[in-house]
Amino acid sequence: MLAYANKHCEMIREALVEYCAPTLAGIKTGSICTIQNGSKDIDDEIRELNGCLVKKGLSLIPLKKTAKTTIVYLYRPDRLKLDLQTPEAQKILEERGYPCRNAGANIVTDSVTAHGRK
């Protein structure tokens, strides 16, 4: 499915397959999982992985980093954009003080630009 040269990227790939299978299969819009940090900068590894993931309509972003682990979000940007444009999602966001004009587009565009897909 995804081919990588370095061993740590292979470990990340295995974690994504194990914990994010519904997203990889197109069943869910996104999944969150924790991965172990390697010796290489995790942001560089995520950018490297995104080079392959984008071809499959996926994006991977770090949500929280610690010294040993990183919580990542694997998602399908096109589906997230659609999900965030539903009346139910916009109502929830508005109730929590988030502006909803074009909400889905802003979230997807901001995260994609920040993590090397544009």
C-alpha atoms as a PDB file:
ATOM      1  CA  MET A   1       0.000   0.000   0.000  1.00  0.00           C
ATOM      2  CA  LEU A   2       2.536   2.637   1.103  1.00  0.00           C
ATOM      3  CA  ALA A   3       6.264   2.155   0.482  1.00  0.00           C
ATOM      4  CA  TYR A   4       8.946   3.833   2.606  1.00  0.00           C
ATOM      5  CA  ALA A   5      12.712   3.546   2.799  1.00  0.00           C
ATOM      6  CA  ASN A   6      13.345   4.166   6.493  1.00  0.00           C
ATOM      7  CA  LYS A   7      12.452   1.775   9.282  1.00  0.00           C
ATOM      8  CA  HIS A   8      10.702   4.356  11.467  1.00  0.00           C
ATOM      9  CA  CYS A   9       8.435   5.404   8.615  1.00  0.00           C
ATOM     10  CA  GLU A  10       7.574   1.725   8.228  1.00  0.00           C
ATOM     11  CA  MET A  11       6.653   1.583  11.942  1.00  0.00           C
ATOM     12  CA  ILE A  12       4.452   4.656  11.527  1.00  0.00           C
ATOM     13  CA  ARG A  13       2.802   3.075   8.489  1.00  0.00           C
ATOM     14  CA  GLU A  14       2.074  -0.074  10.485  1.00  0.00           C
ATOM     15  CA  ALA A  15       0.528   2.000  13.303  1.00  0.00           C
ATOM     16  CA  LEU A  16      -1.658   3.848  10.794  1.00  0.00           C
ATOM     17  CA  VAL A  17      -2.815   0.573   9.237  1.00  0.00           C
ATOM     18  CA  GLU A  18      -3.603  -0.913  12.648  1.00  0.00           C
ATOM     19  CA  TYR A  19      -5.282   2.080  14.276  1.00  0.00           C
ATOM     20  CA  CYS A  20      -6.637   4.056  11.324  1.00  0.00           C
ATOM     21  CA  ALA A  21      -7.931   1.235   9.108  1.00  0.00           C
ATOM     22  CA  PRO A  22     -11.490   2.644   8.849  1.00  0.00           C
ATOM     23  CA  THR A  23     -10.116   5.917   7.459  1.00  0.00           C
ATOM     24  CA  LEU A  24      -7.718   4.145   5.098  1.00  0.00           C
ATOM     25  CA  ALA A  25     -10.639   2.036   3.859  1.00  0.00           C
ATOM     26  CA  GLY A  26     -12.838   5.106   3.295  1.00  0.00           C
ATOM     27  CA  ILE A  27     -15.320   4.177   6.033  1.00  0.00           C
ATOM     28  CA  LYS A  28     -14.509   7.144   8.308  1.00  0.00           C
ATOM     29  CA  THR A  29     -13.496  10.713   7.542  1.00  0.00           C
ATOM     30  CA  GLY A  30     -10.613  10.635  10.038  1.00  0.00           C
ATOM     31  CA  SER A  31      -8.850   8.760  12.811  1.00  0.00           C
ATOM     32  CA  ILE A  32      -6.549   9.747  15.665  1.00  0.00           C
ATOM     33  CA  CYS A  33      -3.661   7.604  16.880  1.00  0.00           C
ATOM     34  CA  THR A  34      -0.434   7.872  18.845  1.00  0.00           C
ATOM     35  CA  ILE A  35       2.885   7.077  17.198  1.00  0.00           C
ATOM     36  CA  GLN A  36       6.345   6.688  18.726  1.00  0.00           C
ATOM     37  CA  ASN A  37       8.854   9.389  17.812  1.00  0.00           C
ATOM     38  CA  GLY A  38      12.019   8.228  16.064  1.00  0.00           C
ATOM     39  CA  SER A  39      15.457   9.767  15.804  1.00  0.00           C
ATOM     40  CA  LYS A  40      14.446  11.792  12.723  1.00  0.00           C
ATOM     41  CA  ASP A  41      12.295  14.912  13.160  1.00  0.00           C
ATOM     42  CA  ILE A  42       8.665  13.739  13.265  1.00  0.00           C
ATOM     43  CA  ASP A  43       7.504  16.708  11.165  1.00  0.00           C
ATOM     44  CA  ASP A  44       9.905  15.633   8.395  1.00  0.00           C
ATOM     45  CA  GLU A  45       8.557  12.083   8.571  1.00  0.00           C
ATOM     46  CA  ILE A  46       4.976  13.316   8.419  1.00  0.00           C
ATOM     47  CA  ARG A  47       5.818  15.422   5.354  1.00  0.00           C
ATOM     48  CA  GLU A  48       7.439  12.356   3.768  1.00  0.00           C
ATOM     49  CA  LEU A  49       4.391  10.208   4.504  1.00  0.00           C
ATOM     50  CA  ASN A  50       2.058  12.883   3.168  1.00  0.00           C
ATOM     51  CA  GLY A  51       3.844  12.647  -0.174  1.00  0.00           C
ATOM     52  CA  CYS A  52       2.363   9.145  -0.542  1.00  0.00           C
ATOM     53  CA  LEU A  53      -0.890   9.732   1.329  1.00  0.00           C
ATOM     54  CA  VAL A  54      -2.001  12.678  -0.809  1.00  0.00           C
ATOM     55  CA  LYS A  55      -2.157  10.367  -3.833  1.00  0.00           C
ATOM     56  CA  LYS A  56      -4.776   8.367  -1.941  1.00  0.00           C
ATOM     57  CA  GLY A  57      -6.823  11.420  -0.877  1.00  0.00           C
ATOM     58  CA  LEU A  58      -5.456  11.404   2.691  1.00  0.00           C
ATOM     59  CA  SER A  59      -3.551  13.802   4.928  1.00  0.00           C
ATOM     60  CA  LEU A  60      -1.669  13.248   8.187  1.00  0.00           C
ATOM     61  CA  ILE A  61      -1.163  16.060  10.709  1.00  0.00           C
ATOM     62  CA  PRO A  62       0.378  16.120  14.181  1.00  0.00           C
ATOM     63  CA  LEU A  63      -2.011  17.203  16.936  1.00  0.00           C
ATOM     64  CA  LYS A  64       0.242  16.967  20.017  1.00  0.00           C
ATOM     65  CA  LYS A  65       3.915  16.142  20.419  1.00  0.00           C
ATOM     66  CA  THR A  66       5.769  14.988  23.518  1.00  0.00           C
ATOM     67  CA  ALA A  67       9.378  13.852  23.891  1.00  0.00           C
ATOM     68  CA  LYS A  68       8.464  10.227  23.113  1.00  0.00           C
ATOM     69  CA  THR A  69       5.185  10.248  21.167  1.00  0.00           C
ATOM     70  CA  THR A  70       3.086  12.244  18.729  1.00  0.00           C
ATOM     71  CA  ILE A  71      -0.696  12.141  18.443  1.00  0.00           C
ATOM     72  CA  VAL A  72      -1.626  12.350  14.772  1.00  0.00           C
ATOM     73  CA  TYR A  73      -4.836  12.823  12.818  1.00  0.00           C
ATOM     74  CA  LEU A  74      -5.186  10.900   9.554  1.00  0.00           C
ATOM     75  CA  TYR A  75      -8.083  12.225   7.523  1.00  0.00           C
ATOM     76  CA  ARG A  76      -9.642  12.671   4.108  1.00  0.00           C
ATOM     77  CA  PRO A  77      -9.683  16.466   3.476  1.00  0.00           C
ATOM     78  CA  ASP A  78     -12.466  16.325   0.893  1.00  0.00           C
ATOM     79  CA  ARG A  79     -14.741  14.372   3.239  1.00  0.00           C
ATOM     80  CA  LEU A  80     -13.875  16.578   6.217  1.00  0.00           C
ATOM     81  CA  LYS A  81     -14.800  19.652   4.216  1.00  0.00           C
ATOM     82  CA  LEU A  82     -18.179  18.108   3.349  1.00  0.00           C
ATOM     83  CA  ASP A  83     -18.753  16.938   6.935  1.00  0.00           C
ATOM     84  CA  LEU A  84     -18.096  20.424   8.311  1.00  0.00           C
ATOM     85  CA  GLN A  85     -20.550  21.988   5.880  1.00  0.00           C
ATOM     86  CA  THR A  86     -23.539  19.994   7.155  1.00  0.00           C
ATOM     87  CA  PRO A  87     -26.146  21.957   9.124  1.00  0.00           C
ATOM     88  CA  GLU A  88     -25.592  19.754  12.185  1.00  0.00           C
ATOM     89  CA  ALA A  89     -21.822  20.364  12.216  1.00  0.00           C
ATOM     90  CA  GLN A  90     -22.260  24.097  11.664  1.00  0.00           C
ATOM     91  CA  LYS A  91     -24.762  24.289  14.517  1.00  0.00           C
ATOM     92  CA  ILE A  92     -22.329  22.528  16.890  1.00  0.00           C
ATOM     93  CA  LEU A  93     -19.463  24.801  15.835  1.00  0.00           C
ATOM     94  CA  GLU A  94     -21.562  27.958  16.169  1.00  0.00           C
ATOM     95  CA  GLU A  95     -22.774  26.919  19.633  1.00  0.00           C
ATOM     96  CA  ARG A  96     -19.120  26.691  20.686  1.00  0.00           C
ATOM     97  CA  GLY A  97     -18.221  30.106  19.282  1.00  0.00           C
ATOM     98  CA  TYR A  98     -16.586  29.082  16.004  1.00  0.00           C
ATOM     99  CA  PRO A  99     -17.474  31.108  12.891  1.00  0.00           C
ATOM    100  CA  CYS A 100     -19.001  28.888  10.232  1.00  0.00           C
ATOM    101  CA  ARG A 101     -18.636  30.835   7.034  1.00  0.00           C
ATOM    102  CA  ASN A 102     -16.835  28.341   4.817  1.00  0.00           C
ATOM    103  CA  ALA A 103     -15.708  26.409   7.934  1.00  0.00           C
ATOM    104  CA  GLY A 104     -14.696  23.250   6.141  1.00  0.00           C
ATOM    105  CA  ALA A 105     -12.575  24.992   3.532  1.00  0.00           C
ATOM    106  CA  ASN A 106     -10.564  26.947   6.106  1.00  0.00           C
ATOM    107  CA  ILE A 107      -9.709  23.940   8.268  1.00  0.00           C
ATOM    108  CA  VAL A 108      -8.702  21.770   5.328  1.00  0.00           C
ATOM    109  CA  THR A 109      -6.717  24.504   3.564  1.00  0.00           C
ATOM    110  CA  ASP A 110      -4.864  25.606   6.710  1.00  0.00           C
ATOM    111  CA  SER A 111      -3.767  22.097   7.695  1.00  0.00           C
ATOM    112  CA  VAL A 112      -2.785  21.096   4.159  1.00  0.00           C
ATOM    113  CA  THR A 113      -0.630  24.193   3.703  1.00  0.00           C
ATOM    114  CA  ALA A 114       1.031  23.728   7.108  1.00  0.00           C
ATOM    115  CA  HIS A 115       2.027  20.136   6.409  1.00  0.00           C
ATOM    116  CA  GLY A 116       3.552  20.295   2.978  1.00  0.00           C
ATOM    117  CA  ARG A 117       0.774  19.356   0.596  1.00  0.00           C
ATOM    118  CA  LYS A 118       0.609  22.720  -1.213  1.00  0.00           C
END
